[in-house]
Amino acid sequence: MQELRKLIDFSHMTITPYHFRTAGGKEVDIVLEGPERAVVGIEVKASANVRHSDFTGLQALAEAAGSKFRRGVLIYLGDKVLPFGDKLNAMPVSALWSKSRP
């Protein structure tokens, strides 16, 4: 999280990082709260395959954040951007270094 804070410091936006965990144990690795308290969730999986069950934490975050939820992204080792519901996508880690949008 310290490295993420360094990146945020260079941003022109006011962004606050959090970790999200429900009482039931659903969690999201990184939650970013931006302008107007908009929320983005980021999950990281060390797998080339993703399933709907991998999105339970992001879905719980979406429910908790309500209209403030903008997007949930699961970064994984596969090679395709995959939709997994409203505002939820799996994105290959390689896309972070791609010049084109996934």
PDB file of N, CA and C in Angstrom:
ATOM      1  N   MET A   1       0.830  -1.193   0.000  1.00  0.00           N
ATOM      2  CA  MET A   1       0.000   0.000   0.000  1.00  0.00           C
ATOM      3  C   MET A   1       0.875   1.259   0.000  1.00  0.00           C
ATOM      4  N   GLN A   2       2.072   1.151   0.554  1.00  0.00           N
ATOM      5  CA  GLN A   2       2.966   2.302   0.589  1.00  0.00           C
ATOM      6  C   GLN A   2       3.329   2.754  -0.823  1.00  0.00           C
ATOM      7  N   GLU A   3       3.590   1.799  -1.729  1.00  0.00           N
ATOM      8  CA  GLU A   3       3.919   2.148  -3.108  1.00  0.00           C
ATOM      9  C   GLU A   3       2.738   2.823  -3.798  1.00  0.00           C
ATOM     10  N   LEU A   4       1.549   2.346  -3.497  1.00  0.00           N
ATOM     11  CA  LEU A   4       0.350   2.947  -4.069  1.00  0.00           C
ATOM     12  C   LEU A   4       0.185   4.388  -3.584  1.00  0.00           C
ATOM     13  N   ARG A   5       0.460   4.624  -2.343  1.00  0.00           N
ATOM     14  CA  ARG A   5       0.380   5.996  -1.803  1.00  0.00           C
ATOM     15  C   ARG A   5       1.359   6.927  -2.524  1.00  0.00           C
ATOM     16  N   LYS A   6       2.544   6.427  -2.870  1.00  0.00           N
ATOM     17  CA  LYS A   6       3.509   7.235  -3.609  1.00  0.00           C
ATOM     18  C   LYS A   6       2.947   7.628  -4.974  1.00  0.00           C
ATOM     19  N   LEU A   7       2.325   6.677  -5.664  1.00  0.00           N
ATOM     20  CA  LEU A   7       1.726   6.984  -6.966  1.00  0.00           C
ATOM     21  C   LEU A   7       0.604   8.000  -6.837  1.00  0.00           C
ATOM     22  N   ILE A   8      -0.204   7.841  -5.813  1.00  0.00           N
ATOM     23  CA  ILE A   8      -1.318   8.764  -5.593  1.00  0.00           C
ATOM     24  C   ILE A   8      -0.813  10.181  -5.337  1.00  0.00           C
ATOM     25  N   ASP A   9       0.307  10.288  -4.637  1.00  0.00           N
ATOM     26  CA  ASP A   9       0.873  11.607  -4.351  1.00  0.00           C
ATOM     27  C   ASP A   9       1.213  12.374  -5.622  1.00  0.00           C
ATOM     28  N   PHE A  10       1.537  11.665  -6.708  1.00  0.00           N
ATOM     29  CA  PHE A  10       1.875  12.312  -7.970  1.00  0.00           C
ATOM     30  C   PHE A  10       0.639  12.645  -8.812  1.00  0.00           C
ATOM     31  N   SER A  11      -0.509  12.135  -8.423  1.00  0.00           N
ATOM     32  CA  SER A  11      -1.736  12.357  -9.181  1.00  0.00           C
ATOM     33  C   SER A  11      -2.255  13.771  -8.945  1.00  0.00           C
ATOM     34  N   HIS A  12      -2.926  14.311  -9.940  1.00  0.00           N
ATOM     35  CA  HIS A  12      -3.563  15.617  -9.792  1.00  0.00           C
ATOM     36  C   HIS A  12      -4.920  15.495  -9.102  1.00  0.00           C
ATOM     37  N   MET A  13      -5.351  14.265  -8.856  1.00  0.00           N
ATOM     38  CA  MET A  13      -6.647  14.022  -8.216  1.00  0.00           C
ATOM     39  C   MET A  13      -6.450  13.708  -6.731  1.00  0.00           C
ATOM     40  N   THR A  14      -7.469  13.984  -5.957  1.00  0.00           N
ATOM     41  CA  THR A  14      -7.453  13.591  -4.555  1.00  0.00           C
ATOM     42  C   THR A  14      -8.012  12.181  -4.471  1.00  0.00           C
ATOM     43  N   ILE A  15      -7.150  11.224  -4.135  1.00  0.00           N
ATOM     44  CA  ILE A  15      -7.531   9.815  -4.076  1.00  0.00           C
ATOM     45  C   ILE A  15      -7.103   9.262  -2.720  1.00  0.00           C
ATOM     46  N   THR A  16      -8.009   8.518  -2.098  1.00  0.00           N
ATOM     47  CA  THR A  16      -7.702   7.892  -0.819  1.00  0.00           C
ATOM     48  C   THR A  16      -7.813   6.381  -0.976  1.00  0.00           C
ATOM     49  N   PRO A  17      -6.741   5.630  -0.639  1.00  0.00           N
ATOM     50  CA  PRO A  17      -6.789   4.165  -0.738  1.00  0.00           C
ATOM     51  C   PRO A  17      -7.331   3.534   0.547  1.00  0.00           C
ATOM     52  N   TYR A  18      -8.058   2.449   0.376  1.00  0.00           N
ATOM     53  CA  TYR A  18      -8.606   1.690   1.499  1.00  0.00           C
ATOM     54  C   TYR A  18      -8.504   0.199   1.191  1.00  0.00           C
ATOM     55  N   HIS A  19      -8.789  -0.576   2.209  1.00  0.00           N
ATOM     56  CA  HIS A  19      -9.002  -2.019   2.070  1.00  0.00           C
ATOM     57  C   HIS A  19     -10.436  -2.252   2.530  1.00  0.00           C
ATOM     58  N   PHE A  20     -11.153  -3.145   1.853  1.00  0.00           N
ATOM     59  CA  PHE A  20     -12.556  -3.402   2.189  1.00  0.00           C
ATOM     60  C   PHE A  20     -12.716  -4.841   2.643  1.00  0.00           C
ATOM     61  N   ARG A  21     -13.415  -5.026   3.758  1.00  0.00           N
ATOM     62  CA  ARG A  21     -13.713  -6.370   4.261  1.00  0.00           C
ATOM     63  C   ARG A  21     -15.044  -6.329   4.999  1.00  0.00           C
ATOM     64  N   THR A  22     -15.931  -7.249   4.635  1.00  0.00           N
ATOM     65  CA  THR A  22     -17.221  -7.325   5.314  1.00  0.00           C
ATOM     66  C   THR A  22     -17.089  -8.187   6.571  1.00  0.00           C
ATOM     67  N   ALA A  23     -18.091  -8.123   7.437  1.00  0.00           N
ATOM     68  CA  ALA A  23     -18.113  -8.963   8.632  1.00  0.00           C
ATOM     69  C   ALA A  23     -18.130 -10.440   8.243  1.00  0.00           C
ATOM     70  N   GLY A  24     -18.675 -10.759   7.072  1.00  0.00           N
ATOM     71  CA  GLY A  24     -18.736 -12.128   6.586  1.00  0.00           C
ATOM     72  C   GLY A  24     -17.466 -12.605   5.897  1.00  0.00           C
ATOM     73  N   GLY A  25     -16.454 -11.738   5.785  1.00  0.00           N
ATOM     74  CA  GLY A  25     -15.175 -12.146   5.227  1.00  0.00           C
ATOM     75  C   GLY A  25     -14.961 -11.831   3.757  1.00  0.00           C
ATOM     76  N   LYS A  26     -15.922 -11.205   3.091  1.00  0.00           N
ATOM     77  CA  LYS A  26     -15.701 -10.804   1.696  1.00  0.00           C
ATOM     78  C   LYS A  26     -14.798  -9.575   1.712  1.00  0.00           C
ATOM     79  N   GLU A  27     -13.805  -9.565   0.795  1.00  0.00           N
ATOM     80  CA  GLU A  27     -12.875  -8.449   0.810  1.00  0.00           C
ATOM     81  C   GLU A  27     -12.443  -8.038  -0.594  1.00  0.00           C
ATOM     82  N   VAL A  28     -11.911  -6.836  -0.660  1.00  0.00           N
ATOM     83  CA  VAL A  28     -11.348  -6.283  -1.892  1.00  0.00           C
ATOM     84  C   VAL A  28      -9.953  -5.784  -1.543  1.00  0.00           C
ATOM     85  N   ASP A  29      -8.970  -6.147  -2.370  1.00  0.00           N
ATOM     86  CA  ASP A  29      -7.576  -5.814  -2.078  1.00  0.00           C
ATOM     87  C   ASP A  29      -7.341  -4.309  -1.963  1.00  0.00           C
ATOM     88  N   ILE A  30      -7.812  -3.562  -2.943  1.00  0.00           N
ATOM     89  CA  ILE A  30      -7.589  -2.114  -2.964  1.00  0.00           C
ATOM     90  C   ILE A  30      -8.892  -1.419  -3.315  1.00  0.00           C
ATOM     91  N   VAL A  31      -9.247  -0.432  -2.536  1.00  0.00           N
ATOM     92  CA  VAL A  31     -10.396   0.421  -2.834  1.00  0.00           C
ATOM     93  C   VAL A  31      -9.865   1.837  -2.935  1.00  0.00           C
ATOM     94  N   LEU A  32     -10.182   2.493  -4.031  1.00  0.00           N
ATOM     95  CA  LEU A  32      -9.778   3.879  -4.220  1.00  0.00           C
ATOM     96  C   LEU A  32     -11.017   4.757  -4.178  1.00  0.00           C
ATOM     97  N   GLU A  33     -10.974   5.765  -3.314  1.00  0.00           N
ATOM     98  CA  GLU A  33     -12.061   6.733  -3.248  1.00  0.00           C
ATOM     99  C   GLU A  33     -11.551   8.030  -3.850  1.00  0.00           C
ATOM    100  N   GLY A  34     -12.249   8.501  -4.879  1.00  0.00           N
ATOM    101  CA  GLY A  34     -11.809   9.674  -5.607  1.00  0.00           C
ATOM    102  C   GLY A  34     -12.750  10.843  -5.455  1.00  0.00           C
ATOM    103  N   PRO A  35     -12.731  11.712  -6.448  1.00  0.00           N
ATOM    104  CA  PRO A  35     -13.587  12.902  -6.413  1.00  0.00           C
ATOM    105  C   PRO A  35     -15.053  12.533  -6.206  1.00  0.00           C
ATOM    106  N   GLU A  36     -15.728  13.367  -5.453  1.00  0.00           N
ATOM    107  CA  GLU A  36     -17.151  13.179  -5.142  1.00  0.00           C
ATOM    108  C   GLU A  36     -17.405  11.836  -4.463  1.00  0.00           C
ATOM    109  N   ARG A  37     -16.374  11.307  -3.781  1.00  0.00           N
ATOM    110  CA  ARG A  37     -16.446  10.049  -3.030  1.00  0.00           C
ATOM    111  C   ARG A  37     -16.765   8.840  -3.922  1.00  0.00           C
ATOM    112  N   ALA A  38     -16.443   8.951  -5.214  1.00  0.00           N
ATOM    113  CA  ALA A  38     -16.611   7.826  -6.133  1.00  0.00           C
ATOM    114  C   ALA A  38     -15.650   6.712  -5.734  1.00  0.00           C
ATOM    115  N   VAL A  39     -16.102   5.459  -5.893  1.00  0.00           N
ATOM    116  CA  VAL A  39     -15.345   4.304  -5.422  1.00  0.00           C
ATOM    117  C   VAL A  39     -15.016   3.359  -6.578  1.00  0.00           C
ATOM    118  N   VAL A  40     -13.760   2.907  -6.596  1.00  0.00           N
ATOM    119  CA  VAL A  40     -13.291   1.892  -7.540  1.00  0.00           C
ATOM    120  C   VAL A  40     -12.638   0.783  -6.725  1.00  0.00           C
ATOM    121  N   GLY A  41     -12.967  -0.468  -7.040  1.00  0.00           N
ATOM    122  CA  GLY A  41     -12.367  -1.605  -6.356  1.00  0.00           C
ATOM    123  C   GLY A  41     -11.430  -2.354  -7.282  1.00  0.00           C
ATOM    124  N   ILE A  42     -10.307  -2.815  -6.734  1.00  0.00           N
ATOM    125  CA  ILE A  42      -9.317  -3.562  -7.507  1.00  0.00           C
ATOM    126  C   ILE A  42      -8.963  -4.826  -6.749  1.00  0.00           C
ATOM    127  N   GLU A  43      -9.147  -5.953  -7.414  1.00  0.00           N
ATOM    128  CA  GLU A  43      -8.747  -7.261  -6.883  1.00  0.00           C
ATOM    129  C   GLU A  43      -7.592  -7.768  -7.716  1.00  0.00           C
ATOM    130  N   VAL A  44      -6.666  -8.479  -7.111  1.00  0.00           N
ATOM    131  CA  VAL A  44      -5.532  -9.053  -7.821  1.00  0.00           C
ATOM    132  C   VAL A  44      -5.533 -10.557  -7.586  1.00  0.00           C
ATOM    133  N   LYS A  45      -5.527 -11.324  -8.680  1.00  0.00           N
ATOM    134  CA  LYS A  45      -5.527 -12.789  -8.602  1.00  0.00           C
ATOM    135  C   LYS A  45      -4.328 -13.343  -9.358  1.00  0.00           C
ATOM    136  N   ALA A  46      -3.609 -14.248  -8.733  1.00  0.00           N
ATOM    137  CA  ALA A  46      -2.461 -14.896  -9.372  1.00  0.00           C
ATOM    138  C   ALA A  46      -2.935 -16.162 -10.077  1.00  0.00           C
ATOM    139  N   SER A  47      -3.809 -15.969 -11.063  1.00  0.00           N
ATOM    140  CA  SER A  47      -4.381 -17.084 -11.805  1.00  0.00           C
ATOM    141  C   SER A  47      -4.661 -16.642 -13.227  1.00  0.00           C
ATOM    142  N   ALA A  48      -4.585 -17.567 -14.166  1.00  0.00           N
ATOM    143  CA  ALA A  48      -4.909 -17.268 -15.560  1.00  0.00           C
ATOM    144  C   ALA A  48      -6.392 -17.450 -15.839  1.00  0.00           C
ATOM    145  N   ASN A  49      -7.142 -17.938 -14.865  1.00  0.00           N
ATOM    146  CA  ASN A  49      -8.578 -18.154 -15.018  1.00  0.00           C
ATOM    147  C   ASN A  49      -9.330 -17.387 -13.945  1.00  0.00           C
ATOM    148  N   VAL A  50     -10.497 -16.876 -14.305  1.00  0.00           N
ATOM    149  CA  VAL A  50     -11.355 -16.203 -13.331  1.00  0.00           C
ATOM    150  C   VAL A  50     -12.762 -16.789 -13.416  1.00  0.00           C
ATOM    151  N   ARG A  51     -13.450 -16.765 -12.285  1.00  0.00           N
ATOM    152  CA  ARG A  51     -14.830 -17.258 -12.195  1.00  0.00           C
ATOM    153  C   ARG A  51     -15.687 -16.187 -11.551  1.00  0.00           C
ATOM    154  N   HIS A  52     -16.979 -16.354 -11.665  1.00  0.00           N
ATOM    155  CA  HIS A  52     -17.895 -15.407 -11.026  1.00  0.00           C
ATOM    156  C   HIS A  52     -17.636 -15.320  -9.529  1.00  0.00           C
ATOM    157  N   SER A  53     -17.262 -16.431  -8.909  1.00  0.00           N
ATOM    158  CA  SER A  53     -17.019 -16.437  -7.463  1.00  0.00           C
ATOM    159  C   SER A  53     -15.832 -15.547  -7.071  1.00  0.00           C
ATOM    160  N   ASP A  54     -14.945 -15.240  -8.008  1.00  0.00           N
ATOM    161  CA  ASP A  54     -13.812 -14.355  -7.728  1.00  0.00           C
ATOM    162  C   ASP A  54     -14.259 -12.904  -7.547  1.00  0.00           C
ATOM    163  N   PHE A  55     -15.490 -12.609  -7.911  1.00  0.00           N
ATOM    164  CA  PHE A  55     -16.009 -11.244  -7.849  1.00  0.00           C
ATOM    165  C   PHE A  55     -16.888 -10.979  -6.631  1.00  0.00           C
ATOM    166  N   THR A  56     -16.966 -11.908  -5.688  1.00  0.00           N
ATOM    167  CA  THR A  56     -17.870 -11.715  -4.542  1.00  0.00           C
ATOM    168  C   THR A  56     -17.489 -10.489  -3.711  1.00  0.00           C
ATOM    169  N   GLY A  57     -16.202 -10.251  -3.532  1.00  0.00           N
ATOM    170  CA  GLY A  57     -15.782  -9.070  -2.779  1.00  0.00           C
ATOM    171  C   GLY A  57     -16.135  -7.785  -3.506  1.00  0.00           C
ATOM    172  N   LEU A  58     -15.888  -7.754  -4.807  1.00  0.00           N
ATOM    173  CA  LEU A  58     -16.226  -6.564  -5.595  1.00  0.00           C
ATOM    174  C   LEU A  58     -17.734  -6.334  -5.629  1.00  0.00           C
ATOM    175  N   GLN A  59     -18.504  -7.407  -5.688  1.00  0.00           N
ATOM    176  CA  GLN A  59     -19.960  -7.268  -5.658  1.00  0.00           C
ATOM    177  C   GLN A  59     -20.428  -6.723  -4.314  1.00  0.00           C
ATOM    178  N   ALA A  60     -19.812  -7.184  -3.230  1.00  0.00           N
ATOM    179  CA  ALA A  60     -20.162  -6.676  -1.903  1.00  0.00           C
ATOM    180  C   ALA A  60     -19.803  -5.196  -1.780  1.00  0.00           C
ATOM    181  N   LEU A  61     -18.669  -4.806  -2.341  1.00  0.00           N
ATOM    182  CA  LEU A  61     -18.280  -3.398  -2.344  1.00  0.00           C
ATOM    183  C   LEU A  61     -19.281  -2.571  -3.136  1.00  0.00           C
ATOM    184  N   ALA A  62     -19.686  -3.074  -4.298  1.00  0.00           N
ATOM    185  CA  ALA A  62     -20.664  -2.359  -5.126  1.00  0.00           C
ATOM    186  C   ALA A  62     -21.963  -2.140  -4.364  1.00  0.00           C
ATOM    187  N   GLU A  63     -22.415  -3.149  -3.653  1.00  0.00           N
ATOM    188  CA  GLU A  63     -23.643  -3.020  -2.860  1.00  0.00           C
ATOM    189  C   GLU A  63     -23.464  -2.010  -1.729  1.00  0.00           C
ATOM    190  N   ALA A  64     -22.323  -2.058  -1.057  1.00  0.00           N
ATOM    191  CA  ALA A  64     -22.075  -1.154   0.068  1.00  0.00           C
ATOM    192  C   ALA A  64     -21.923   0.299  -0.392  1.00  0.00           C
ATOM    193  N   ALA A  65     -21.284   0.504  -1.544  1.00  0.00           N
ATOM    194  CA  ALA A  65     -21.035   1.854  -2.040  1.00  0.00           C
ATOM    195  C   ALA A  65     -22.236   2.448  -2.763  1.00  0.00           C
ATOM    196  N   GLY A  66     -23.130   1.597  -3.246  1.00  0.00           N
ATOM    197  CA  GLY A  66     -24.328   2.087  -3.944  1.00  0.00           C
ATOM    198  C   GLY A  66     -23.981   2.904  -5.169  1.00  0.00           C
ATOM    199  N   SER A  67     -24.586   4.082  -5.287  1.00  0.00           N
ATOM    200  CA  SER A  67     -24.404   4.918  -6.485  1.00  0.00           C
ATOM    201  C   SER A  67     -22.990   5.492  -6.587  1.00  0.00           C
ATOM    202  N   LYS A  68     -22.208   5.414  -5.544  1.00  0.00           N
ATOM    203  CA  LYS A  68     -20.825   5.913  -5.578  1.00  0.00           C
ATOM    204  C   LYS A  68     -19.871   4.918  -6.254  1.00  0.00           C
ATOM    205  N   PHE A  69     -20.322   3.677  -6.430  1.00  0.00           N
ATOM    206  CA  PHE A  69     -19.484   2.653  -7.064  1.00  0.00           C
ATOM    207  C   PHE A  69     -19.362   2.935  -8.556  1.00  0.00           C
ATOM    208  N   ARG A  70     -18.111   3.063  -9.038  1.00  0.00           N
ATOM    209  CA  ARG A  70     -17.885   3.354 -10.458  1.00  0.00           C
ATOM    210  C   ARG A  70     -17.449   2.127 -11.248  1.00  0.00           C
ATOM    211  N   ARG A  71     -16.574   1.286 -10.641  1.00  0.00           N
ATOM    212  CA  ARG A  71     -16.051   0.144 -11.379  1.00  0.00           C
ATOM    213  C   ARG A  71     -15.331  -0.796 -10.431  1.00  0.00           C
ATOM    214  N   GLY A  72     -15.389  -2.074 -10.793  1.00  0.00           N
ATOM    215  CA  GLY A  72     -14.618  -3.097 -10.098  1.00  0.00           C
ATOM    216  C   GLY A  72     -13.782  -3.835 -11.118  1.00  0.00           C
ATOM    217  N   VAL A  73     -12.488  -3.934 -10.874  1.00  0.00           N
ATOM    218  CA  VAL A  73     -11.569  -4.570 -11.810  1.00  0.00           C
ATOM    219  C   VAL A  73     -10.823  -5.689 -11.089  1.00  0.00           C
ATOM    220  N   LEU A  74     -10.813  -6.851 -11.705  1.00  0.00           N
ATOM    221  CA  LEU A  74     -10.026  -7.970 -11.213  1.00  0.00           C
ATOM    222  C   LEU A  74      -8.849  -8.132 -12.169  1.00  0.00           C
ATOM    223  N   ILE A  75      -7.656  -7.908 -11.672  1.00  0.00           N
ATOM    224  CA  ILE A  75      -6.447  -8.054 -12.489  1.00  0.00           C
ATOM    225  C   ILE A  75      -5.972  -9.486 -12.351  1.00  0.00           C
ATOM    226  N   TYR A  76      -5.746 -10.143 -13.505  1.00  0.00           N
ATOM    227  CA  TYR A  76      -5.384 -11.561 -13.480  1.00  0.00           C
ATOM    228  C   TYR A  76      -4.327 -11.866 -14.535  1.00  0.00           C
ATOM    229  N   LEU A  77      -3.882 -13.123 -14.592  1.00  0.00           N
ATOM    230  CA  LEU A  77      -2.788 -13.513 -15.479  1.00  0.00           C
ATOM    231  C   LEU A  77      -3.236 -13.980 -16.863  1.00  0.00           C
ATOM    232  N   GLY A  78      -4.510 -13.858 -17.164  1.00  0.00           N
ATOM    233  CA  GLY A  78      -5.016 -14.251 -18.478  1.00  0.00           C
ATOM    234  C   GLY A  78      -4.649 -13.232 -19.546  1.00  0.00           C
ATOM    235  N   ASP A  79      -5.316 -13.337 -20.701  1.00  0.00           N
ATOM    236  CA  ASP A  79      -4.965 -12.446 -21.805  1.00  0.00           C
ATOM    237  C   ASP A  79      -6.149 -11.704 -22.413  1.00  0.00           C
ATOM    238  N   LYS A  80      -7.317 -11.752 -21.771  1.00  0.00           N
ATOM    239  CA  LYS A  80      -8.498 -11.091 -22.321  1.00  0.00           C
ATOM    240  C   LYS A  80      -9.190 -10.241 -21.264  1.00  0.00           C
ATOM    241  N   VAL A  81      -9.790  -9.141 -21.728  1.00  0.00           N
ATOM    242  CA  VAL A  81     -10.680  -8.373 -20.861  1.00  0.00           C
ATOM    243  C   VAL A  81     -12.028  -9.078 -20.909  1.00  0.00           C
ATOM    244  N   LEU A  82     -12.562  -9.403 -19.743  1.00  0.00           N
ATOM    245  CA  LEU A  82     -13.804 -10.164 -19.659  1.00  0.00           C
ATOM    246  C   LEU A  82     -14.831  -9.433 -18.808  1.00  0.00           C
ATOM    247  N   PRO A  83     -16.053  -9.267 -19.310  1.00  0.00           N
ATOM    248  CA  PRO A  83     -17.101  -8.670 -18.488  1.00  0.00           C
ATOM    249  C   PRO A  83     -17.650  -9.699 -17.500  1.00  0.00           C
ATOM    250  N   PHE A  84     -17.940  -9.249 -16.272  1.00  0.00           N
ATOM    251  CA  PHE A  84     -18.504 -10.128 -15.264  1.00  0.00           C
ATOM    252  C   PHE A  84     -19.675  -9.475 -14.556  1.00  0.00           C
ATOM    253  N   GLY A  85     -20.424  -8.670 -15.266  1.00  0.00           N
ATOM    254  CA  GLY A  85     -21.586  -8.010 -14.684  1.00  0.00           C
ATOM    255  C   GLY A  85     -21.472  -6.511 -14.837  1.00  0.00           C
ATOM    256  N   ASP A  86     -22.460  -5.838 -14.300  1.00  0.00           N
ATOM    257  CA  ASP A  86     -22.525  -4.387 -14.396  1.00  0.00           C
ATOM    258  C   ASP A  86     -21.327  -3.749 -13.689  1.00  0.00           C
ATOM    259  N   LYS A  87     -20.508  -3.054 -14.422  1.00  0.00           N
ATOM    260  CA  LYS A  87     -19.344  -2.328 -13.920  1.00  0.00           C
ATOM    261  C   LYS A  87     -18.252  -3.236 -13.355  1.00  0.00           C
ATOM    262  N   LEU A  88     -18.269  -4.521 -13.714  1.00  0.00           N
ATOM    263  CA  LEU A  88     -17.263  -5.470 -13.245  1.00  0.00           C
ATOM    264  C   LEU A  88     -16.556  -6.113 -14.432  1.00  0.00           C
ATOM    265  N   ASN A  89     -15.218  -6.085 -14.415  1.00  0.00           N
ATOM    266  CA  ASN A  89     -14.430  -6.674 -15.491  1.00  0.00           C
ATOM    267  C   ASN A  89     -13.188  -7.352 -14.942  1.00  0.00           C
ATOM    268  N   ALA A  90     -12.771  -8.404 -15.630  1.00  0.00           N
ATOM    269  CA  ALA A  90     -11.455  -8.985 -15.409  1.00  0.00           C
ATOM    270  C   ALA A  90     -10.543  -8.378 -16.464  1.00  0.00           C
ATOM    271  N   MET A  91      -9.334  -8.022 -16.065  1.00  0.00           N
ATOM    272  CA  MET A  91      -8.401  -7.370 -16.975  1.00  0.00           C
ATOM    273  C   MET A  91      -7.034  -8.026 -16.828  1.00  0.00           C
ATOM    274  N   PRO A  92      -6.395  -8.408 -17.927  1.00  0.00           N
ATOM    275  CA  PRO A  92      -5.072  -9.015 -17.815  1.00  0.00           C
ATOM    276  C   PRO A  92      -4.052  -8.017 -17.270  1.00  0.00           C
ATOM    277  N   VAL A  93      -3.154  -8.502 -16.454  1.00  0.00           N
ATOM    278  CA  VAL A  93      -2.121  -7.632 -15.902  1.00  0.00           C
ATOM    279  C   VAL A  93      -1.304  -6.990 -17.021  1.00  0.00           C
ATOM    280  N   SER A  94      -1.166  -7.671 -18.140  1.00  0.00           N
ATOM    281  CA  SER A  94      -0.408  -7.115 -19.266  1.00  0.00           C
ATOM    282  C   SER A  94      -1.038  -5.835 -19.812  1.00  0.00           C
ATOM    283  N   ALA A  95      -2.325  -5.650 -19.619  1.00  0.00           N
ATOM    284  CA  ALA A  95      -3.010  -4.441 -20.103  1.00  0.00           C
ATOM    285  C   ALA A  95      -2.533  -3.187 -19.373  1.00  0.00           C
ATOM    286  N   LEU A  96      -1.954  -3.357 -18.208  1.00  0.00           N
ATOM    287  CA  LEU A  96      -1.451  -2.195 -17.469  1.00  0.00           C
ATOM    288  C   LEU A  96      -0.298  -1.522 -18.203  1.00  0.00           C
ATOM    289  N   TRP A  97       0.376  -2.275 -19.075  1.00  0.00           N
ATOM    290  CA  TRP A  97       1.510  -1.732 -19.816  1.00  0.00           C
ATOM    291  C   TRP A  97       1.199  -1.548 -21.293  1.00  0.00           C
ATOM    292  N   SER A  98      -0.031  -1.741 -21.682  1.00  0.00           N
ATOM    293  CA  SER A  98      -0.430  -1.620 -23.075  1.00  0.00           C
ATOM    294  C   SER A  98      -0.736  -0.168 -23.410  1.00  0.00           C
ATOM    295  N   LYS A  99      -0.369   0.246 -24.614  1.00  0.00           N
ATOM    296  CA  LYS A  99      -0.674   1.614 -25.063  1.00  0.00           C
ATOM    297  C   LYS A  99      -2.132   1.765 -25.466  1.00  0.00           C
ATOM    298  N   SER A 100      -2.744   0.690 -25.905  1.00  0.00           N
ATOM    299  CA  SER A 100      -4.155   0.770 -26.313  1.00  0.00           C
ATOM    300  C   SER A 100      -5.038   0.397 -25.136  1.00  0.00           C
ATOM    301  N   ARG A 101      -6.252   0.876 -25.183  1.00  0.00           N
ATOM    302  CA  ARG A 101      -7.214   0.532 -24.129  1.00  0.00           C
ATOM    303  C   ARG A 101      -7.704  -0.891 -24.349  1.00  0.00           C
ATOM    304  N   PRO A 102      -7.854  -1.660 -23.252  1.00  0.00           N
ATOM    305  CA  PRO A 102      -8.332  -3.044 -23.394  1.00  0.00           C
ATOM    306  C   PRO A 102      -9.780  -3.109 -23.831  1.00  0.00           C
TER     307      PRO A 102
END
